[in-house]
Amino acid sequence: MYPLEKLLLGTLIRLFIGKIDGVQNVGNEPLVIAANHSSYMDDLIIPYLIMVKIRRKFTVFVNSRYYKNYFLKKLLLHYGGIPVDVSKDVRDESRRRATNEKAIKEAVASLVAGRVFVIFPEGERSPNGMIQKAKTGVARVALTARVPVVPVGVKGSYDILPKGALLPKLKRADITIGNALHFDKYYGREKDHLVLEEVTSIVMSEIARLVGQDYEKDILSL
């Protein structure tokens, strides 16, 4: 499916990959893969996981600022990037809302088409390696598309390339893929903010468990 990418990405990224557990938890059905985000290295580790190990086509939210470069934009679109606006880069709230609503619809459409949709629910890299409070986009997409969420915990990527570092250290990150989370009882309630918060909390708590953290406890201590 991605022959050149498997060769190039596999050769480079596997130097930084330790154990990978739970690949069997990802089937062939449409689903959301949600992972923690501690490093730019995650932006390579997760595509490696999906393209090389799971062998599925995917889409993923990408900060819209990276689409300003023509060649980078073409590359991101080729690999299923869906632009989203973040508040620190786009101050215009109405524009941000319009862009992100469109992104949600594109993510749902990709799932309807049978792809995997990837999301880092925290929305940005952790400044210290600890899981941060997540946004509810993961819940909106999963409930609207009516698909399960597979939590993925990446442990050790912060030590490879922490926020602010320019060059990666030759260390390894372990990846643990959890069991699919099903939210059938919430279908049809994707506009209920309390439901979105609850589903997001369930997803993040499982991701945190996979990396040895406690989502509710850790975010309350921030």
C-alpha atoms as a PDB file:
ATOM      1  CA  MET A   1       0.000   0.000   0.000  1.00  0.00           C
ATOM      2  CA  TYR A   2       2.896   2.357   0.846  1.00  0.00           C
ATOM      3  CA  PRO A   3       5.933   0.492  -0.599  1.00  0.00           C
ATOM      4  CA  LEU A   4       8.363   3.428  -0.770  1.00  0.00           C
ATOM      5  CA  GLU A   5       7.214   4.800   2.569  1.00  0.00           C
ATOM      6  CA  LYS A   6       7.656   1.405   4.204  1.00  0.00           C
ATOM      7  CA  LEU A   7      11.233   1.283   2.967  1.00  0.00           C
ATOM      8  CA  LEU A   8      12.220   4.840   3.866  1.00  0.00           C
ATOM      9  CA  LEU A   9      10.135   5.361   6.997  1.00  0.00           C
ATOM     10  CA  GLY A  10      10.755   1.832   8.234  1.00  0.00           C
ATOM     11  CA  THR A  11      14.526   2.150   7.842  1.00  0.00           C
ATOM     12  CA  LEU A  12      14.662   5.471   9.688  1.00  0.00           C
ATOM     13  CA  ILE A  13      12.051   5.162  12.393  1.00  0.00           C
ATOM     14  CA  ARG A  14      12.640   1.584  13.488  1.00  0.00           C
ATOM     15  CA  LEU A  15      15.919   2.822  14.995  1.00  0.00           C
ATOM     16  CA  PHE A  16      13.779   4.641  17.542  1.00  0.00           C
ATOM     17  CA  ILE A  17      11.165   1.916  18.098  1.00  0.00           C
ATOM     18  CA  GLY A  18      11.364  -0.589  20.915  1.00  0.00           C
ATOM     19  CA  LYS A  19       8.489  -2.956  21.630  1.00  0.00           C
ATOM     20  CA  ILE A  20       5.200  -2.851  19.768  1.00  0.00           C
ATOM     21  CA  ASP A  21       2.355  -4.652  21.524  1.00  0.00           C
ATOM     22  CA  GLY A  22      -1.270  -5.088  20.492  1.00  0.00           C
ATOM     23  CA  VAL A  23      -1.148  -4.862  16.702  1.00  0.00           C
ATOM     24  CA  GLN A  24      -3.807  -7.578  16.642  1.00  0.00           C
ATOM     25  CA  ASN A  25      -6.223  -5.091  18.265  1.00  0.00           C
ATOM     26  CA  VAL A  26      -6.540  -3.184  14.977  1.00  0.00           C
ATOM     27  CA  GLY A  27      -8.834  -4.894  12.487  1.00  0.00           C
ATOM     28  CA  ASN A  28      -9.943  -3.967   8.990  1.00  0.00           C
ATOM     29  CA  GLU A  29     -12.995  -1.936   9.975  1.00  0.00           C
ATOM     30  CA  PRO A  30     -13.089   1.886  10.040  1.00  0.00           C
ATOM     31  CA  LEU A  31     -11.797   3.161  13.381  1.00  0.00           C
ATOM     32  CA  VAL A  32     -10.172   6.044  15.175  1.00  0.00           C
ATOM     33  CA  ILE A  33      -6.641   5.647  16.508  1.00  0.00           C
ATOM     34  CA  ALA A  34      -6.010   8.051  19.384  1.00  0.00           C
ATOM     35  CA  ALA A  35      -2.520   8.503  20.808  1.00  0.00           C
ATOM     36  CA  ASN A  36      -0.720  10.669  23.350  1.00  0.00           C
ATOM     37  CA  HIS A  37       1.588  13.358  22.007  1.00  0.00           C
ATOM     38  CA  SER A  38       4.900  14.088  23.749  1.00  0.00           C
ATOM     39  CA  SER A  39       7.219  14.748  20.830  1.00  0.00           C
ATOM     40  CA  TYR A  40       7.527  15.532  17.138  1.00  0.00           C
ATOM     41  CA  MET A  41       8.804  11.963  16.976  1.00  0.00           C
ATOM     42  CA  ASP A  42       5.188  10.814  17.463  1.00  0.00           C
ATOM     43  CA  ASP A  43       4.395  12.338  14.066  1.00  0.00           C
ATOM     44  CA  LEU A  44       6.669   9.691  12.551  1.00  0.00           C
ATOM     45  CA  ILE A  45       6.120   6.843  15.009  1.00  0.00           C
ATOM     46  CA  ILE A  46       2.353   6.665  14.478  1.00  0.00           C
ATOM     47  CA  PRO A  47       2.529   6.716  10.641  1.00  0.00           C
ATOM     48  CA  TYR A  48       5.227   4.025  10.911  1.00  0.00           C
ATOM     49  CA  LEU A  49       2.867   1.975  13.055  1.00  0.00           C
ATOM     50  CA  ILE A  50      -0.031   2.324  10.624  1.00  0.00           C
ATOM     51  CA  MET A  51       1.772   2.119   7.289  1.00  0.00           C
ATOM     52  CA  VAL A  52       4.410  -0.489   8.148  1.00  0.00           C
ATOM     53  CA  LYS A  53       2.884  -2.616  10.888  1.00  0.00           C
ATOM     54  CA  ILE A  54      -0.891  -2.270  10.504  1.00  0.00           C
ATOM     55  CA  ARG A  55      -0.872  -1.626   6.739  1.00  0.00           C
ATOM     56  CA  ARG A  56      -3.891   0.644   6.528  1.00  0.00           C
ATOM     57  CA  LYS A  57      -4.588   3.933   4.756  1.00  0.00           C
ATOM     58  CA  PHE A  58      -5.228   6.781   7.139  1.00  0.00           C
ATOM     59  CA  THR A  59      -6.087  10.446   7.567  1.00  0.00           C
ATOM     60  CA  VAL A  60      -4.895  12.734  10.352  1.00  0.00           C
ATOM     61  CA  PHE A  61      -5.429  16.266  11.652  1.00  0.00           C
ATOM     62  CA  VAL A  62      -2.463  18.573  10.945  1.00  0.00           C
ATOM     63  CA  ASN A  63      -1.947  22.158  12.095  1.00  0.00           C
ATOM     64  CA  SER A  64      -2.926  24.422   9.192  1.00  0.00           C
ATOM     65  CA  ARG A  65       0.261  26.494   9.522  1.00  0.00           C
ATOM     66  CA  TYR A  66       2.175  23.651   7.860  1.00  0.00           C
ATOM     67  CA  TYR A  67       0.055  24.096   4.727  1.00  0.00           C
ATOM     68  CA  LYS A  68       1.537  27.513   3.975  1.00  0.00           C
ATOM     69  CA  ASN A  69       4.491  25.878   2.238  1.00  0.00           C
ATOM     70  CA  TYR A  70       3.406  24.660  -1.212  1.00  0.00           C
ATOM     71  CA  PHE A  71       5.532  21.505  -1.270  1.00  0.00           C
ATOM     72  CA  LEU A  72       4.794  20.558   2.330  1.00  0.00           C
ATOM     73  CA  LYS A  73       1.093  21.096   1.647  1.00  0.00           C
ATOM     74  CA  LYS A  74       1.217  18.687  -1.301  1.00  0.00           C
ATOM     75  CA  LEU A  75       3.025  16.124   0.843  1.00  0.00           C
ATOM     76  CA  LEU A  76       0.551  16.416   3.706  1.00  0.00           C
ATOM     77  CA  LEU A  77      -2.470  16.128   1.427  1.00  0.00           C
ATOM     78  CA  HIS A  78      -0.923  13.085  -0.261  1.00  0.00           C
ATOM     79  CA  TYR A  79      -0.628  11.376   3.113  1.00  0.00           C
ATOM     80  CA  GLY A  80      -4.132  12.151   4.300  1.00  0.00           C
ATOM     81  CA  GLY A  81      -3.503  15.339   6.226  1.00  0.00           C
ATOM     82  CA  ILE A  82      -6.590  17.322   7.209  1.00  0.00           C
ATOM     83  CA  PRO A  83      -5.829  20.957   8.152  1.00  0.00           C
ATOM     84  CA  VAL A  84      -7.083  22.306  11.479  1.00  0.00           C
ATOM     85  CA  ASP A  85      -6.676  25.767  12.985  1.00  0.00           C
ATOM     86  CA  VAL A  86      -5.312  26.144  16.519  1.00  0.00           C
ATOM     87  CA  SER A  87      -5.944  29.199  18.663  1.00  0.00           C
ATOM     88  CA  LYS A  88      -2.281  30.162  19.122  1.00  0.00           C
ATOM     89  CA  ASP A  89      -1.863  30.481  15.351  1.00  0.00           C
ATOM     90  CA  VAL A  90      -5.311  31.632  14.221  1.00  0.00           C
ATOM     91  CA  ARG A  91      -6.899  34.325  16.389  1.00  0.00           C
ATOM     92  CA  ASP A  92     -10.024  34.705  14.254  1.00  0.00           C
ATOM     93  CA  GLU A  93     -12.514  32.540  16.116  1.00  0.00           C
ATOM     94  CA  SER A  94     -15.084  32.391  13.298  1.00  0.00           C
ATOM     95  CA  ARG A  95     -12.453  31.280  10.798  1.00  0.00           C
ATOM     96  CA  ARG A  96     -11.085  28.744  13.264  1.00  0.00           C
ATOM     97  CA  ARG A  97     -14.534  27.314  13.902  1.00  0.00           C
ATOM     98  CA  ALA A  98     -15.304  27.043  10.176  1.00  0.00           C
ATOM     99  CA  THR A  99     -11.981  25.336   9.411  1.00  0.00           C
ATOM    100  CA  ASN A 100     -12.338  22.862  12.235  1.00  0.00           C
ATOM    101  CA  GLU A 101     -15.956  22.019  11.457  1.00  0.00           C
ATOM    102  CA  LYS A 102     -14.857  21.229   7.917  1.00  0.00           C
ATOM    103  CA  ALA A 103     -12.031  19.086   9.331  1.00  0.00           C
ATOM    104  CA  ILE A 104     -14.479  17.071  11.445  1.00  0.00           C
ATOM    105  CA  LYS A 105     -16.613  16.407   8.364  1.00  0.00           C
ATOM    106  CA  GLU A 106     -13.560  15.322   6.348  1.00  0.00           C
ATOM    107  CA  ALA A 107     -12.459  12.981   9.129  1.00  0.00           C
ATOM    108  CA  VAL A 108     -15.912  11.408   9.299  1.00  0.00           C
ATOM    109  CA  ALA A 109     -16.006  11.061   5.499  1.00  0.00           C
ATOM    110  CA  SER A 110     -12.657   9.269   5.541  1.00  0.00           C
ATOM    111  CA  LEU A 111     -14.005   6.804   8.092  1.00  0.00           C
ATOM    112  CA  VAL A 112     -17.136   6.219   6.024  1.00  0.00           C
ATOM    113  CA  ALA A 113     -14.768   5.455   3.132  1.00  0.00           C
ATOM    114  CA  GLY A 114     -13.110   2.759   5.264  1.00  0.00           C
ATOM    115  CA  ARG A 115      -9.914   4.478   6.358  1.00  0.00           C
ATOM    116  CA  VAL A 116      -8.297   4.765   9.761  1.00  0.00           C
ATOM    117  CA  PHE A 117      -8.446   8.250  11.261  1.00  0.00           C
ATOM    118  CA  VAL A 118      -5.558   9.260  13.529  1.00  0.00           C
ATOM    119  CA  ILE A 119      -5.786  11.933  16.191  1.00  0.00           C
ATOM    120  CA  PHE A 120      -3.677  13.250  19.048  1.00  0.00           C
ATOM    121  CA  PRO A 121      -6.510  14.365  21.356  1.00  0.00           C
ATOM    122  CA  GLU A 122      -4.293  16.672  23.424  1.00  0.00           C
ATOM    123  CA  GLY A 123      -3.975  18.883  20.354  1.00  0.00           C
ATOM    124  CA  GLU A 124      -0.327  19.743  20.937  1.00  0.00           C
ATOM    125  CA  ARG A 125       2.870  18.235  22.277  1.00  0.00           C
ATOM    126  CA  SER A 126       3.270  17.819  26.006  1.00  0.00           C
ATOM    127  CA  PRO A 127       5.900  20.201  27.436  1.00  0.00           C
ATOM    128  CA  ASN A 128       7.052  17.657  30.015  1.00  0.00           C
ATOM    129  CA  GLY A 129       6.124  14.193  28.773  1.00  0.00           C
ATOM    130  CA  MET A 130       3.019  14.006  30.948  1.00  0.00           C
ATOM    131  CA  ILE A 131      -0.397  13.627  29.331  1.00  0.00           C
ATOM    132  CA  GLN A 132      -2.252  16.928  29.040  1.00  0.00           C
ATOM    133  CA  LYS A 133      -5.979  17.691  29.133  1.00  0.00           C
ATOM    134  CA  ALA A 134      -7.500  16.634  25.812  1.00  0.00           C
ATOM    135  CA  LYS A 135      -9.937  18.348  23.499  1.00  0.00           C
ATOM    136  CA  THR A 136     -13.199  16.637  22.506  1.00  0.00           C
ATOM    137  CA  GLY A 137     -12.514  16.238  18.768  1.00  0.00           C
ATOM    138  CA  VAL A 138     -11.800  12.529  19.196  1.00  0.00           C
ATOM    139  CA  ALA A 139     -15.262  12.023  20.686  1.00  0.00           C
ATOM    140  CA  ARG A 140     -17.035  14.103  18.025  1.00  0.00           C
ATOM    141  CA  VAL A 141     -15.462  12.180  15.174  1.00  0.00           C
ATOM    142  CA  ALA A 142     -15.990   8.735  16.721  1.00  0.00           C
ATOM    143  CA  LEU A 143     -19.605   9.351  17.711  1.00  0.00           C
ATOM    144  CA  THR A 144     -20.556  11.042  14.436  1.00  0.00           C
ATOM    145  CA  ALA A 145     -18.982   8.282  12.333  1.00  0.00           C
ATOM    146  CA  ARG A 146     -20.169   5.610  14.806  1.00  0.00           C
ATOM    147  CA  VAL A 147     -16.844   3.804  14.923  1.00  0.00           C
ATOM    148  CA  PRO A 148     -14.701   2.465  17.779  1.00  0.00           C
ATOM    149  CA  VAL A 149     -11.633   4.206  19.163  1.00  0.00           C
ATOM    150  CA  VAL A 150      -8.384   2.275  19.541  1.00  0.00           C
ATOM    151  CA  PRO A 151      -6.145   3.889  22.195  1.00  0.00           C
ATOM    152  CA  VAL A 152      -2.399   3.906  21.582  1.00  0.00           C
ATOM    153  CA  GLY A 153       0.177   4.702  24.234  1.00  0.00           C
ATOM    154  CA  VAL A 154       3.619   5.874  23.100  1.00  0.00           C
ATOM    155  CA  LYS A 155       6.115   5.708  25.950  1.00  0.00           C
ATOM    156  CA  GLY A 156       9.574   7.205  25.614  1.00  0.00           C
ATOM    157  CA  SER A 157       9.221   9.545  22.632  1.00  0.00           C
ATOM    158  CA  TYR A 158       9.645  12.571  24.919  1.00  0.00           C
ATOM    159  CA  ASP A 159      13.099  11.291  25.888  1.00  0.00           C
ATOM    160  CA  ILE A 160      14.024  10.988  22.205  1.00  0.00           C
ATOM    161  CA  LEU A 161      12.958  14.462  21.105  1.00  0.00           C
ATOM    162  CA  PRO A 162      11.432  16.669  23.822  1.00  0.00           C
ATOM    163  CA  LYS A 163       9.772  19.967  23.013  1.00  0.00           C
ATOM    164  CA  GLY A 164      12.471  22.534  22.214  1.00  0.00           C
ATOM    165  CA  ALA A 165      15.137  20.001  21.198  1.00  0.00           C
ATOM    166  CA  LEU A 166      16.626  20.211  17.708  1.00  0.00           C
ATOM    167  CA  LEU A 167      18.114  16.742  17.310  1.00  0.00           C
ATOM    168  CA  PRO A 168      16.784  13.356  18.465  1.00  0.00           C
ATOM    169  CA  LYS A 169      18.622  11.162  20.935  1.00  0.00           C
ATOM    170  CA  LEU A 170      19.206   7.563  19.927  1.00  0.00           C
ATOM    171  CA  LYS A 171      16.721   6.057  22.361  1.00  0.00           C
ATOM    172  CA  ARG A 172      13.705   3.852  21.799  1.00  0.00           C
ATOM    173  CA  ALA A 173       9.990   4.374  22.367  1.00  0.00           C
ATOM    174  CA  ASP A 174       7.593   1.549  23.148  1.00  0.00           C
ATOM    175  CA  ILE A 175       4.142   1.420  21.583  1.00  0.00           C
ATOM    176  CA  THR A 176       1.173  -0.276  23.201  1.00  0.00           C
ATOM    177  CA  ILE A 177      -2.087  -0.609  21.291  1.00  0.00           C
ATOM    178  CA  GLY A 178      -5.072  -1.102  23.567  1.00  0.00           C
ATOM    179  CA  ASN A 179      -8.375  -2.836  22.998  1.00  0.00           C
ATOM    180  CA  ALA A 180     -10.979  -1.016  20.920  1.00  0.00           C
ATOM    181  CA  LEU A 181     -13.334   1.203  22.923  1.00  0.00           C
ATOM    182  CA  HIS A 182     -16.959   1.094  21.802  1.00  0.00           C
ATOM    183  CA  PHE A 183     -19.371   3.932  22.488  1.00  0.00           C
ATOM    184  CA  ASP A 184     -22.606   2.625  21.009  1.00  0.00           C
ATOM    185  CA  LYS A 185     -24.694   3.913  23.922  1.00  0.00           C
ATOM    186  CA  TYR A 186     -23.636   7.479  23.095  1.00  0.00           C
ATOM    187  CA  TYR A 187     -24.495   7.399  19.385  1.00  0.00           C
ATOM    188  CA  GLY A 188     -26.781  10.240  18.380  1.00  0.00           C
ATOM    189  CA  ARG A 189     -25.527  12.417  21.257  1.00  0.00           C
ATOM    190  CA  GLU A 190     -22.455  13.893  19.597  1.00  0.00           C
ATOM    191  CA  LYS A 191     -23.773  17.435  20.187  1.00  0.00           C
ATOM    192  CA  ASP A 192     -24.025  16.953  23.944  1.00  0.00           C
ATOM    193  CA  HIS A 193     -20.913  18.558  25.455  1.00  0.00           C
ATOM    194  CA  LEU A 194     -21.078  16.489  28.646  1.00  0.00           C
ATOM    195  CA  VAL A 195     -21.155  13.305  26.572  1.00  0.00           C
ATOM    196  CA  LEU A 196     -18.197  14.497  24.520  1.00  0.00           C
ATOM    197  CA  GLU A 197     -16.244  15.232  27.694  1.00  0.00           C
ATOM    198  CA  GLU A 198     -17.098  11.821  29.145  1.00  0.00           C
ATOM    199  CA  VAL A 199     -16.089   9.906  26.011  1.00  0.00           C
ATOM    200  CA  THR A 200     -12.873  11.923  25.720  1.00  0.00           C
ATOM    201  CA  SER A 201     -12.050  11.203  29.356  1.00  0.00           C
ATOM    202  CA  ILE A 202     -12.590   7.460  28.830  1.00  0.00           C
ATOM    203  CA  VAL A 203     -10.277   7.468  25.803  1.00  0.00           C
ATOM    204  CA  MET A 204      -7.568   9.498  27.519  1.00  0.00           C
ATOM    205  CA  SER A 205      -7.735   7.469  30.720  1.00  0.00           C
ATOM    206  CA  GLU A 206      -7.032   4.331  28.710  1.00  0.00           C
ATOM    207  CA  ILE A 207      -4.170   5.986  26.806  1.00  0.00           C
ATOM    208  CA  ALA A 208      -2.723   7.153  30.122  1.00  0.00           C
ATOM    209  CA  ARG A 209      -2.980   3.645  31.554  1.00  0.00           C
ATOM    210  CA  LEU A 210      -1.055   2.263  28.586  1.00  0.00           C
ATOM    211  CA  VAL A 211       1.888   4.557  29.370  1.00  0.00           C
ATOM    212  CA  GLY A 212       1.703   4.187  33.145  1.00  0.00           C
ATOM    213  CA  GLN A 213      -0.006   7.470  33.949  1.00  0.00           C
ATOM    214  CA  ASP A 214      -3.347   8.479  35.479  1.00  0.00           C
ATOM    215  CA  TYR A 215      -5.247  10.911  33.274  1.00  0.00           C
ATOM    216  CA  GLU A 216      -7.707  12.354  35.778  1.00  0.00           C
ATOM    217  CA  LYS A 217      -5.170  12.556  38.605  1.00  0.00           C
ATOM    218  CA  ASP A 218      -2.366  13.994  36.491  1.00  0.00           C
ATOM    219  CA  ILE A 219      -4.368  16.700  34.702  1.00  0.00           C
ATOM    220  CA  LEU A 220      -5.918  17.873  37.979  1.00  0.00           C
ATOM    221  CA  SER A 221      -2.425  18.364  39.401  1.00  0.00           C
ATOM    222  CA  LEU A 222      -1.289  20.616  36.528  1.00  0.00           C
END
